[in-house]
């Protein structure tokens, strides 16, 4: 996004989506993959 401010991502709700290539700064996440190789948002 080009935005330096980190965002919160968590299970449930409207902010559970994560994108390949972004960096987790804190804690731990268990993620279900929603795209095959070559089909990611990136």
ModelCIF file with pLDDT and N, C-alpha, C, O atoms, coordinates in Angstrom:
data_MODEL
#
_entry.id   MODEL 
#
_entity.id                         1 
_entity.type                       polymer 
_entity.pdbx_number_of_molecules   1 
#
_entity_poly.entity_id                      1 
_entity_poly.type                           'polypeptide(L)' 
_entity_poly.nstd_linkage                   no 
_entity_poly.nstd_monomer                   no 
_entity_poly.pdbx_seq_one_letter_code       
;(UNK)(UNK)(UNK)(UNK)(UNK)(UNK)(UNK)(UNK)(UNK)(UNK)(UNK)(UNK)(UNK)(UNK)(UNK)(UNK)
(UNK)(UNK)(UNK)(UNK)(UNK)(UNK)(UNK)(UNK)(UNK)(UNK)(UNK)(UNK)(UNK)(UNK)(UNK)(UNK)
(UNK)(UNK)(UNK)(UNK)(UNK)(UNK)(UNK)(UNK)(UNK)(UNK)
;
_entity_poly.pdbx_seq_one_letter_code_can   XXXXXXXXXXXXXXXXXXXXXXXXXXXXXXXXXXXXXXXXXX 
_entity_poly.pdbx_strand_id                 A 
#
loop_
_entity_poly_seq.entity_id 
_entity_poly_seq.num 
_entity_poly_seq.mon_id 
_entity_poly_seq.hetero 
1 1  UNK n 
1 2  UNK n 
1 3  UNK n 
1 4  UNK n 
1 5  UNK n 
1 6  UNK n 
1 7  UNK n 
1 8  UNK n 
1 9  UNK n 
1 10 UNK n 
1 11 UNK n 
1 12 UNK n 
1 13 UNK n 
1 14 UNK n 
1 15 UNK n 
1 16 UNK n 
1 17 UNK n 
1 18 UNK n 
1 19 UNK n 
1 20 UNK n 
1 21 UNK n 
1 22 UNK n 
1 23 UNK n 
1 24 UNK n 
1 25 UNK n 
1 26 UNK n 
1 27 UNK n 
1 28 UNK n 
1 29 UNK n 
1 30 UNK n 
1 31 UNK n 
1 32 UNK n 
1 33 UNK n 
1 34 UNK n 
1 35 UNK n 
1 36 UNK n 
1 37 UNK n 
1 38 UNK n 
1 39 UNK n 
1 40 UNK n 
1 41 UNK n 
1 42 UNK n 
#
_struct_asym.id          A 
_struct_asym.entity_id   1 
#
loop_
_ma_qa_metric.id 
_ma_qa_metric.mode 
_ma_qa_metric.name 
_ma_qa_metric.software_group_id 
_ma_qa_metric.type 
1 global pLDDT . pLDDT 
2 local  pLDDT . pLDDT 
#
_ma_qa_metric_global.metric_id      1 
_ma_qa_metric_global.metric_value   76.38 
_ma_qa_metric_global.model_id       1 
_ma_qa_metric_global.ordinal_id     1 
#
loop_
_ma_qa_metric_local.label_asym_id 
_ma_qa_metric_local.label_comp_id 
_ma_qa_metric_local.label_seq_id 
_ma_qa_metric_local.metric_id 
_ma_qa_metric_local.metric_value 
_ma_qa_metric_local.model_id 
_ma_qa_metric_local.ordinal_id 
A UNK 1  2 60.00 1 1  
A UNK 2  2 54.00 1 2  
A UNK 3  2 55.00 1 3  
A UNK 4  2 53.00 1 4  
A UNK 5  2 61.00 1 5  
A UNK 6  2 76.00 1 6  
A UNK 7  2 77.00 1 7  
A UNK 8  2 81.00 1 8  
A UNK 9  2 84.00 1 9  
A UNK 10 2 82.00 1 10 
A UNK 11 2 81.00 1 11 
A UNK 12 2 71.00 1 12 
A UNK 13 2 64.00 1 13 
A UNK 14 2 60.00 1 14 
A UNK 15 2 71.00 1 15 
A UNK 16 2 79.00 1 16 
A UNK 17 2 81.00 1 17 
A UNK 18 2 84.00 1 18 
A UNK 19 2 81.00 1 19 
A UNK 20 2 81.00 1 20 
A UNK 21 2 77.00 1 21 
A UNK 22 2 81.00 1 22 
A UNK 23 2 84.00 1 23 
A UNK 24 2 87.00 1 24 
A UNK 25 2 86.00 1 25 
A UNK 26 2 83.00 1 26 
A UNK 27 2 84.00 1 27 
A UNK 28 2 88.00 1 28 
A UNK 29 2 90.00 1 29 
A UNK 30 2 91.00 1 30 
A UNK 31 2 91.00 1 31 
A UNK 32 2 90.00 1 32 
A UNK 33 2 89.00 1 33 
A UNK 34 2 86.00 1 34 
A UNK 35 2 80.00 1 35 
A UNK 36 2 77.00 1 36 
A UNK 37 2 70.00 1 37 
A UNK 38 2 68.00 1 38 
A UNK 39 2 68.00 1 39 
A UNK 40 2 69.00 1 40 
A UNK 41 2 67.00 1 41 
A UNK 42 2 66.00 1 42 
#
loop_
_atom_site.group_PDB 
_atom_site.id 
_atom_site.type_symbol 
_atom_site.label_atom_id 
_atom_site.label_alt_id 
_atom_site.label_comp_id 
_atom_site.label_asym_id 
_atom_site.label_entity_id 
_atom_site.label_seq_id 
_atom_site.pdbx_PDB_ins_code 
_atom_site.Cartn_x 
_atom_site.Cartn_y 
_atom_site.Cartn_z 
_atom_site.occupancy 
_atom_site.B_iso_or_equiv 
_atom_site.pdbx_formal_charge 
_atom_site.auth_seq_id 
_atom_site.auth_comp_id 
_atom_site.auth_asym_id 
_atom_site.auth_atom_id 
_atom_site.pdbx_PDB_model_num 
ATOM 1   N N  . UNK A 1 1  ? 0.802   -1.227  0.000   1.00 60.00 ? 1  UNK A N  1 
ATOM 2   C CA . UNK A 1 1  ? 0.000   0.000   0.000   1.00 60.00 ? 1  UNK A CA 1 
ATOM 3   C C  . UNK A 1 1  ? 0.830   1.270   0.000   1.00 60.00 ? 1  UNK A C  1 
ATOM 4   O O  . UNK A 1 1  ? 0.329   2.330   -0.375  1.00 60.00 ? 1  UNK A O  1 
ATOM 5   N N  . UNK A 1 2  ? 2.106   1.186   0.418   1.00 54.00 ? 2  UNK A N  1 
ATOM 6   C CA . UNK A 1 2  ? 2.917   2.392   0.526   1.00 54.00 ? 2  UNK A CA 1 
ATOM 7   C C  . UNK A 1 2  ? 2.700   3.127   1.833   1.00 54.00 ? 2  UNK A C  1 
ATOM 8   O O  . UNK A 1 2  ? 3.373   4.124   2.092   1.00 54.00 ? 2  UNK A O  1 
ATOM 9   N N  . UNK A 1 3  ? 1.773   2.660   2.669   1.00 55.00 ? 3  UNK A N  1 
ATOM 10  C CA . UNK A 1 3  ? 1.498   3.304   3.949   1.00 55.00 ? 3  UNK A CA 1 
ATOM 11  C C  . UNK A 1 3  ? 2.396   2.695   5.026   1.00 55.00 ? 3  UNK A C  1 
ATOM 12  O O  . UNK A 1 3  ? 2.436   1.475   5.188   1.00 55.00 ? 3  UNK A O  1 
ATOM 13  N N  . UNK A 1 4  ? 3.120   3.552   5.765   1.00 53.00 ? 4  UNK A N  1 
ATOM 14  C CA . UNK A 1 4  ? 4.074   3.056   6.752   1.00 53.00 ? 4  UNK A CA 1 
ATOM 15  C C  . UNK A 1 4  ? 3.404   2.565   8.024   1.00 53.00 ? 4  UNK A C  1 
ATOM 16  O O  . UNK A 1 4  ? 3.959   1.713   8.718   1.00 53.00 ? 4  UNK A O  1 
ATOM 17  N N  . UNK A 1 5  ? 2.222   3.081   8.347   1.00 61.00 ? 5  UNK A N  1 
ATOM 18  C CA . UNK A 1 5  ? 1.550   2.701   9.586   1.00 61.00 ? 5  UNK A CA 1 
ATOM 19  C C  . UNK A 1 5  ? 1.060   1.261   9.495   1.00 61.00 ? 5  UNK A C  1 
ATOM 20  O O  . UNK A 1 5  ? 0.384   0.901   8.531   1.00 61.00 ? 5  UNK A O  1 
ATOM 21  N N  . UNK A 1 6  ? 1.398   0.413   10.507  1.00 76.00 ? 6  UNK A N  1 
ATOM 22  C CA . UNK A 1 6  ? 0.914   -0.975  10.488  1.00 76.00 ? 6  UNK A CA 1 
ATOM 23  C C  . UNK A 1 6  ? -0.584  -1.043  10.723  1.00 76.00 ? 6  UNK A C  1 
ATOM 24  O O  . UNK A 1 6  ? -1.189  -0.104  11.240  1.00 76.00 ? 6  UNK A O  1 
ATOM 25  N N  . UNK A 1 7  ? -1.177  -2.172  10.334  1.00 77.00 ? 7  UNK A N  1 
ATOM 26  C CA . UNK A 1 7  ? -2.606  -2.386  10.516  1.00 77.00 ? 7  UNK A CA 1 
ATOM 27  C C  . UNK A 1 7  ? -2.812  -3.650  11.337  1.00 77.00 ? 7  UNK A C  1 
ATOM 28  O O  . UNK A 1 7  ? -1.938  -4.516  11.391  1.00 77.00 ? 7  UNK A O  1 
ATOM 29  N N  . UNK A 1 8  ? -3.963  -3.749  11.969  1.00 81.00 ? 8  UNK A N  1 
ATOM 30  C CA . UNK A 1 8  ? -4.274  -4.916  12.789  1.00 81.00 ? 8  UNK A CA 1 
ATOM 31  C C  . UNK A 1 8  ? -5.066  -5.921  11.953  1.00 81.00 ? 8  UNK A C  1 
ATOM 32  O O  . UNK A 1 8  ? -6.045  -5.572  11.293  1.00 81.00 ? 8  UNK A O  1 
ATOM 33  N N  . UNK A 1 9  ? -4.619  -7.165  11.999  1.00 84.00 ? 9  UNK A N  1 
ATOM 34  C CA . UNK A 1 9  ? -5.323  -8.245  11.320  1.00 84.00 ? 9  UNK A CA 1 
ATOM 35  C C  . UNK A 1 9  ? -5.604  -9.349  12.337  1.00 84.00 ? 9  UNK A C  1 
ATOM 36  O O  . UNK A 1 9  ? -4.737  -9.699  13.137  1.00 84.00 ? 9  UNK A O  1 
ATOM 37  N N  . UNK A 1 10 ? -6.816  -9.891  12.301  1.00 82.00 ? 10 UNK A N  1 
ATOM 38  C CA . UNK A 1 10 ? -7.164  -10.936 13.253  1.00 82.00 ? 10 UNK A CA 1 
ATOM 39  C C  . UNK A 1 10 ? -8.289  -11.801 12.746  1.00 82.00 ? 10 UNK A C  1 
ATOM 40  O O  . UNK A 1 10 ? -8.913  -11.497 11.728  1.00 82.00 ? 10 UNK A O  1 
ATOM 41  N N  . UNK A 1 11 ? -8.548  -12.884 13.460  1.00 81.00 ? 11 UNK A N  1 
ATOM 42  C CA . UNK A 1 11 ? -9.578  -13.835 13.053  1.00 81.00 ? 11 UNK A CA 1 
ATOM 43  C C  . UNK A 1 11 ? -10.963 -13.228 13.194  1.00 81.00 ? 11 UNK A C  1 
ATOM 44  O O  . UNK A 1 11 ? -11.243 -12.504 14.150  1.00 81.00 ? 11 UNK A O  1 
ATOM 45  N N  . UNK A 1 12 ? -11.837 -13.534 12.218  1.00 71.00 ? 12 UNK A N  1 
ATOM 46  C CA . UNK A 1 12 ? -13.211 -13.059 12.267  1.00 71.00 ? 12 UNK A CA 1 
ATOM 47  C C  . UNK A 1 12 ? -13.328 -11.606 11.853  1.00 71.00 ? 12 UNK A C  1 
ATOM 48  O O  . UNK A 1 12 ? -12.327 -10.893 11.786  1.00 71.00 ? 12 UNK A O  1 
ATOM 49  N N  . UNK A 1 13 ? -14.539 -11.169 11.577  1.00 64.00 ? 13 UNK A N  1 
ATOM 50  C CA . UNK A 1 13 ? -14.780 -9.774  11.233  1.00 64.00 ? 13 UNK A CA 1 
ATOM 51  C C  . UNK A 1 13 ? -14.336 -9.427  9.835   1.00 64.00 ? 13 UNK A C  1 
ATOM 52  O O  . UNK A 1 13 ? -14.080 -10.302 9.008   1.00 64.00 ? 13 UNK A O  1 
ATOM 53  N N  . UNK A 1 14 ? -14.246 -8.112  9.578   1.00 60.00 ? 14 UNK A N  1 
ATOM 54  C CA . UNK A 1 14 ? -13.930 -7.612  8.240   1.00 60.00 ? 14 UNK A CA 1 
ATOM 55  C C  . UNK A 1 14 ? -12.453 -7.298  8.056   1.00 60.00 ? 14 UNK A C  1 
ATOM 56  O O  . UNK A 1 14 ? -12.068 -6.731  7.033   1.00 60.00 ? 14 UNK A O  1 
ATOM 57  N N  . UNK A 1 15 ? -11.611 -7.658  9.035   1.00 71.00 ? 15 UNK A N  1 
ATOM 58  C CA . UNK A 1 15 ? -10.193 -7.347  8.927   1.00 71.00 ? 15 UNK A CA 1 
ATOM 59  C C  . UNK A 1 15 ? -9.355  -8.604  9.147   1.00 71.00 ? 15 UNK A C  1 
ATOM 60  O O  . UNK A 1 15 ? -8.351  -8.593  9.860   1.00 71.00 ? 15 UNK A O  1 
ATOM 61  N N  . UNK A 1 16 ? -9.798  -9.678  8.514   1.00 79.00 ? 16 UNK A N  1 
ATOM 62  C CA . UNK A 1 16 ? -9.102  -10.958 8.655   1.00 79.00 ? 16 UNK A CA 1 
ATOM 63  C C  . UNK A 1 16 ? -8.286  -11.311 7.424   1.00 79.00 ? 16 UNK A C  1 
ATOM 64  O O  . UNK A 1 16 ? -7.597  -12.331 7.414   1.00 79.00 ? 16 UNK A O  1 
ATOM 65  N N  . UNK A 1 17 ? -8.352  -10.484 6.385   1.00 81.00 ? 17 UNK A N  1 
ATOM 66  C CA . UNK A 1 17 ? -7.665  -10.777 5.131   1.00 81.00 ? 17 UNK A CA 1 
ATOM 67  C C  . UNK A 1 17 ? -6.205  -10.338 5.205   1.00 81.00 ? 17 UNK A C  1 
ATOM 68  O O  . UNK A 1 17 ? -5.915  -9.224  5.641   1.00 81.00 ? 17 UNK A O  1 
ATOM 69  N N  . UNK A 1 18 ? -5.285  -11.206 4.782   1.00 84.00 ? 18 UNK A N  1 
ATOM 70  C CA . UNK A 1 18 ? -3.863  -10.871 4.715   1.00 84.00 ? 18 UNK A CA 1 
ATOM 71  C C  . UNK A 1 18 ? -3.356  -11.114 3.300   1.00 84.00 ? 18 UNK A C  1 
ATOM 72  O O  . UNK A 1 18 ? -3.909  -11.927 2.560   1.00 84.00 ? 18 UNK A O  1 
ATOM 73  N N  . UNK A 1 19 ? -2.299  -10.400 2.938   1.00 81.00 ? 19 UNK A N  1 
ATOM 74  C CA . UNK A 1 19 ? -1.786  -10.422 1.573   1.00 81.00 ? 19 UNK A CA 1 
ATOM 75  C C  . UNK A 1 19 ? -0.352  -10.929 1.541   1.00 81.00 ? 19 UNK A C  1 
ATOM 76  O O  . UNK A 1 19 ? 0.453   -10.587 2.407   1.00 81.00 ? 19 UNK A O  1 
ATOM 77  N N  . UNK A 1 20 ? -0.036  -11.746 0.542   1.00 81.00 ? 20 UNK A N  1 
ATOM 78  C CA . UNK A 1 20 ? 1.320   -12.272 0.382   1.00 81.00 ? 20 UNK A CA 1 
ATOM 79  C C  . UNK A 1 20 ? 2.325   -11.132 0.261   1.00 81.00 ? 20 UNK A C  1 
ATOM 80  O O  . UNK A 1 20 ? 2.068   -10.130 -0.407  1.00 81.00 ? 20 UNK A O  1 
ATOM 81  N N  . UNK A 1 21 ? 3.482   -11.298 0.920   1.00 77.00 ? 21 UNK A N  1 
ATOM 82  C CA . UNK A 1 21 ? 4.541   -10.305 0.829   1.00 77.00 ? 21 UNK A CA 1 
ATOM 83  C C  . UNK A 1 21 ? 4.511   -9.260  1.918   1.00 77.00 ? 21 UNK A C  1 
ATOM 84  O O  . UNK A 1 21 ? 5.466   -8.497  2.063   1.00 77.00 ? 21 UNK A O  1 
ATOM 85  N N  . UNK A 1 22 ? 3.420   -9.204  2.702   1.00 81.00 ? 22 UNK A N  1 
ATOM 86  C CA . UNK A 1 22 ? 3.368   -8.274  3.830   1.00 81.00 ? 22 UNK A CA 1 
ATOM 87  C C  . UNK A 1 22 ? 4.017   -8.930  5.048   1.00 81.00 ? 22 UNK A C  1 
ATOM 88  O O  . UNK A 1 22 ? 4.182   -10.149 5.085   1.00 81.00 ? 22 UNK A O  1 
ATOM 89  N N  . UNK A 1 23 ? 4.384   -8.122  6.044   1.00 84.00 ? 23 UNK A N  1 
ATOM 90  C CA . UNK A 1 23 ? 5.196   -8.618  7.157   1.00 84.00 ? 23 UNK A CA 1 
ATOM 91  C C  . UNK A 1 23 ? 4.434   -8.552  8.467   1.00 84.00 ? 23 UNK A C  1 
ATOM 92  O O  . UNK A 1 23 ? 3.866   -7.515  8.811   1.00 84.00 ? 23 UNK A O  1 
ATOM 93  N N  . UNK A 1 24 ? 4.422   -9.667  9.202   1.00 87.00 ? 24 UNK A N  1 
ATOM 94  C CA . UNK A 1 24 ? 3.799   -9.704  10.522  1.00 87.00 ? 24 UNK A CA 1 
ATOM 95  C C  . UNK A 1 24 ? 4.782   -9.125  11.536  1.00 87.00 ? 24 UNK A C  1 
ATOM 96  O O  . UNK A 1 24 ? 5.901   -9.619  11.678  1.00 87.00 ? 24 UNK A O  1 
ATOM 97  N N  . UNK A 1 25 ? 4.362   -8.085  12.232  1.00 86.00 ? 25 UNK A N  1 
ATOM 98  C CA . UNK A 1 25 ? 5.249   -7.391  13.170  1.00 86.00 ? 25 UNK A CA 1 
ATOM 99  C C  . UNK A 1 25 ? 5.139   -7.925  14.592  1.00 86.00 ? 25 UNK A C  1 
ATOM 100 O O  . UNK A 1 25 ? 6.091   -7.815  15.365  1.00 86.00 ? 25 UNK A O  1 
ATOM 101 N N  . UNK A 1 26 ? 3.990   -8.504  14.951  1.00 83.00 ? 26 UNK A N  1 
ATOM 102 C CA . UNK A 1 26 ? 3.816   -8.950  16.325  1.00 83.00 ? 26 UNK A CA 1 
ATOM 103 C C  . UNK A 1 26 ? 2.955   -10.204 16.388  1.00 83.00 ? 26 UNK A C  1 
ATOM 104 O O  . UNK A 1 26 ? 2.183   -10.491 15.473  1.00 83.00 ? 26 UNK A O  1 
ATOM 105 N N  . UNK A 1 27 ? 3.097   -10.936 17.468  1.00 84.00 ? 27 UNK A N  1 
ATOM 106 C CA . UNK A 1 27 ? 2.249   -12.087 17.766  1.00 84.00 ? 27 UNK A CA 1 
ATOM 107 C C  . UNK A 1 27 ? 2.389   -13.199 16.710  1.00 84.00 ? 27 UNK A C  1 
ATOM 108 O O  . UNK A 1 27 ? 3.408   -13.306 16.029  1.00 84.00 ? 27 UNK A O  1 
ATOM 109 N N  . UNK A 1 28 ? 1.354   -14.005 16.598  1.00 88.00 ? 28 UNK A N  1 
ATOM 110 C CA . UNK A 1 28 ? 1.361   -15.163 15.690  1.00 88.00 ? 28 UNK A CA 1 
ATOM 111 C C  . UNK A 1 28 ? -0.011  -15.323 15.058  1.00 88.00 ? 28 UNK A C  1 
ATOM 112 O O  . UNK A 1 28 ? -1.036  -15.128 15.712  1.00 88.00 ? 28 UNK A O  1 
ATOM 113 N N  . UNK A 1 29 ? -0.020  -15.680 13.781  1.00 90.00 ? 29 UNK A N  1 
ATOM 114 C CA . UNK A 1 29 ? -1.272  -15.869 13.061  1.00 90.00 ? 29 UNK A CA 1 
ATOM 115 C C  . UNK A 1 29 ? -1.315  -17.261 12.446  1.00 90.00 ? 29 UNK A C  1 
ATOM 116 O O  . UNK A 1 29 ? -0.307  -17.769 11.954  1.00 90.00 ? 29 UNK A O  1 
ATOM 117 N N  . UNK A 1 30 ? -2.487  -17.864 12.481  1.00 91.00 ? 30 UNK A N  1 
ATOM 118 C CA . UNK A 1 30 ? -2.741  -19.098 11.735  1.00 91.00 ? 30 UNK A CA 1 
ATOM 119 C C  . UNK A 1 30 ? -3.631  -18.698 10.557  1.00 91.00 ? 30 UNK A C  1 
ATOM 120 O O  . UNK A 1 30 ? -4.722  -18.161 10.748  1.00 91.00 ? 30 UNK A O  1 
ATOM 121 N N  . UNK A 1 31 ? -3.159  -18.962 9.349   1.00 91.00 ? 31 UNK A N  1 
ATOM 122 C CA . UNK A 1 31 ? -3.804  -18.433 8.141   1.00 91.00 ? 31 UNK A CA 1 
ATOM 123 C C  . UNK A 1 31 ? -4.191  -19.572 7.209   1.00 91.00 ? 31 UNK A C  1 
ATOM 124 O O  . UNK A 1 31 ? -3.423  -20.511 7.004   1.00 91.00 ? 31 UNK A O  1 
ATOM 125 N N  . UNK A 1 32 ? -5.397  -19.476 6.646   1.00 90.00 ? 32 UNK A N  1 
ATOM 126 C CA . UNK A 1 32 ? -5.827  -20.402 5.596   1.00 90.00 ? 32 UNK A CA 1 
ATOM 127 C C  . UNK A 1 32 ? -5.564  -19.753 4.246   1.00 90.00 ? 32 UNK A C  1 
ATOM 128 O O  . UNK A 1 32 ? -6.034  -18.644 3.991   1.00 90.00 ? 32 UNK A O  1 
ATOM 129 N N  . UNK A 1 33 ? -4.819  -20.430 3.378   1.00 89.00 ? 33 UNK A N  1 
ATOM 130 C CA . UNK A 1 33 ? -4.456  -19.895 2.056   1.00 89.00 ? 33 UNK A CA 1 
ATOM 131 C C  . UNK A 1 33 ? -5.701  -19.851 1.177   1.00 89.00 ? 33 UNK A C  1 
ATOM 132 O O  . UNK A 1 33 ? -6.462  -20.817 1.115   1.00 89.00 ? 33 UNK A O  1 
ATOM 133 N N  . UNK A 1 34 ? -5.902  -18.723 0.499   1.00 86.00 ? 34 UNK A N  1 
ATOM 134 C CA . UNK A 1 34 ? -7.100  -18.552 -0.335  1.00 86.00 ? 34 UNK A CA 1 
ATOM 135 C C  . UNK A 1 34 ? -6.773  -18.416 -1.825  1.00 86.00 ? 34 UNK A C  1 
ATOM 136 O O  . UNK A 1 34 ? -7.667  -18.162 -2.632  1.00 86.00 ? 34 UNK A O  1 
ATOM 137 N N  . UNK A 1 35 ? -5.494  -18.582 -2.196  1.00 80.00 ? 35 UNK A N  1 
ATOM 138 C CA . UNK A 1 35 ? -5.129  -18.443 -3.616  1.00 80.00 ? 35 UNK A CA 1 
ATOM 139 C C  . UNK A 1 35 ? -4.036  -19.433 -3.969  1.00 80.00 ? 35 UNK A C  1 
ATOM 140 O O  . UNK A 1 35 ? -3.154  -19.706 -3.155  1.00 80.00 ? 35 UNK A O  1 
ATOM 141 N N  . UNK A 1 36 ? -4.090  -19.972 -5.175  1.00 77.00 ? 36 UNK A N  1 
ATOM 142 C CA . UNK A 1 36 ? -3.036  -20.840 -5.686  1.00 77.00 ? 36 UNK A CA 1 
ATOM 143 C C  . UNK A 1 36 ? -1.863  -20.005 -6.170  1.00 77.00 ? 36 UNK A C  1 
ATOM 144 O O  . UNK A 1 36 ? -2.030  -18.808 -6.408  1.00 77.00 ? 36 UNK A O  1 
ATOM 145 N N  . UNK A 1 37 ? -0.669  -20.598 -6.327  1.00 70.00 ? 37 UNK A N  1 
ATOM 146 C CA . UNK A 1 37 ? 0.481   -19.843 -6.848  1.00 70.00 ? 37 UNK A CA 1 
ATOM 147 C C  . UNK A 1 37 ? 0.162   -19.197 -8.194  1.00 70.00 ? 37 UNK A C  1 
ATOM 148 O O  . UNK A 1 37 ? -0.466  -19.814 -9.055  1.00 70.00 ? 37 UNK A O  1 
ATOM 149 N N  . UNK A 1 38 ? 0.590   -17.982 -8.362  1.00 68.00 ? 38 UNK A N  1 
ATOM 150 C CA . UNK A 1 38 ? 0.323   -17.248 -9.595  1.00 68.00 ? 38 UNK A CA 1 
ATOM 151 C C  . UNK A 1 38 ? -1.020  -16.565 -9.633  1.00 68.00 ? 38 UNK A C  1 
ATOM 152 O O  . UNK A 1 38 ? -1.325  -15.824 -10.568 1.00 68.00 ? 38 UNK A O  1 
ATOM 153 N N  . UNK A 1 39 ? -1.844  -16.820 -8.593  1.00 68.00 ? 39 UNK A N  1 
ATOM 154 C CA . UNK A 1 39 ? -3.177  -16.230 -8.544  1.00 68.00 ? 39 UNK A CA 1 
ATOM 155 C C  . UNK A 1 39 ? -3.340  -15.267 -7.376  1.00 68.00 ? 39 UNK A C  1 
ATOM 156 O O  . UNK A 1 39 ? -4.449  -14.804 -7.105  1.00 68.00 ? 39 UNK A O  1 
ATOM 157 N N  . UNK A 1 40 ? -2.251  -14.960 -6.682  1.00 69.00 ? 40 UNK A N  1 
ATOM 158 C CA . UNK A 1 40 ? -2.348  -14.092 -5.518  1.00 69.00 ? 40 UNK A CA 1 
ATOM 159 C C  . UNK A 1 40 ? -2.624  -12.662 -5.950  1.00 69.00 ? 40 UNK A C  1 
ATOM 160 O O  . UNK A 1 40 ? -2.472  -12.301 -7.116  1.00 69.00 ? 40 UNK A O  1 
ATOM 161 N N  . UNK A 1 41 ? -3.031  -11.867 -4.983  1.00 67.00 ? 41 UNK A N  1 
ATOM 162 C CA . UNK A 1 41 ? -3.299  -10.457 -5.257  1.00 67.00 ? 41 UNK A CA 1 
ATOM 163 C C  . UNK A 1 41 ? -2.054  -9.769  -5.794  1.00 67.00 ? 41 UNK A C  1 
ATOM 164 O O  . UNK A 1 41 ? -2.141  -8.928  -6.688  1.00 67.00 ? 41 UNK A O  1 
ATOM 165 N N  . UNK A 1 42 ? -0.887  -10.128 -5.247  1.00 66.00 ? 42 UNK A N  1 
ATOM 166 C CA . UNK A 1 42 ? 0.365   -9.527  -5.695  1.00 66.00 ? 42 UNK A CA 1 
ATOM 167 C C  . UNK A 1 42 ? 0.667   -9.904  -7.138  1.00 66.00 ? 42 UNK A C  1 
ATOM 168 O O  . UNK A 1 42 ? 1.687   -9.485  -7.685  1.00 66.00 ? 42 UNK A O  1 
#
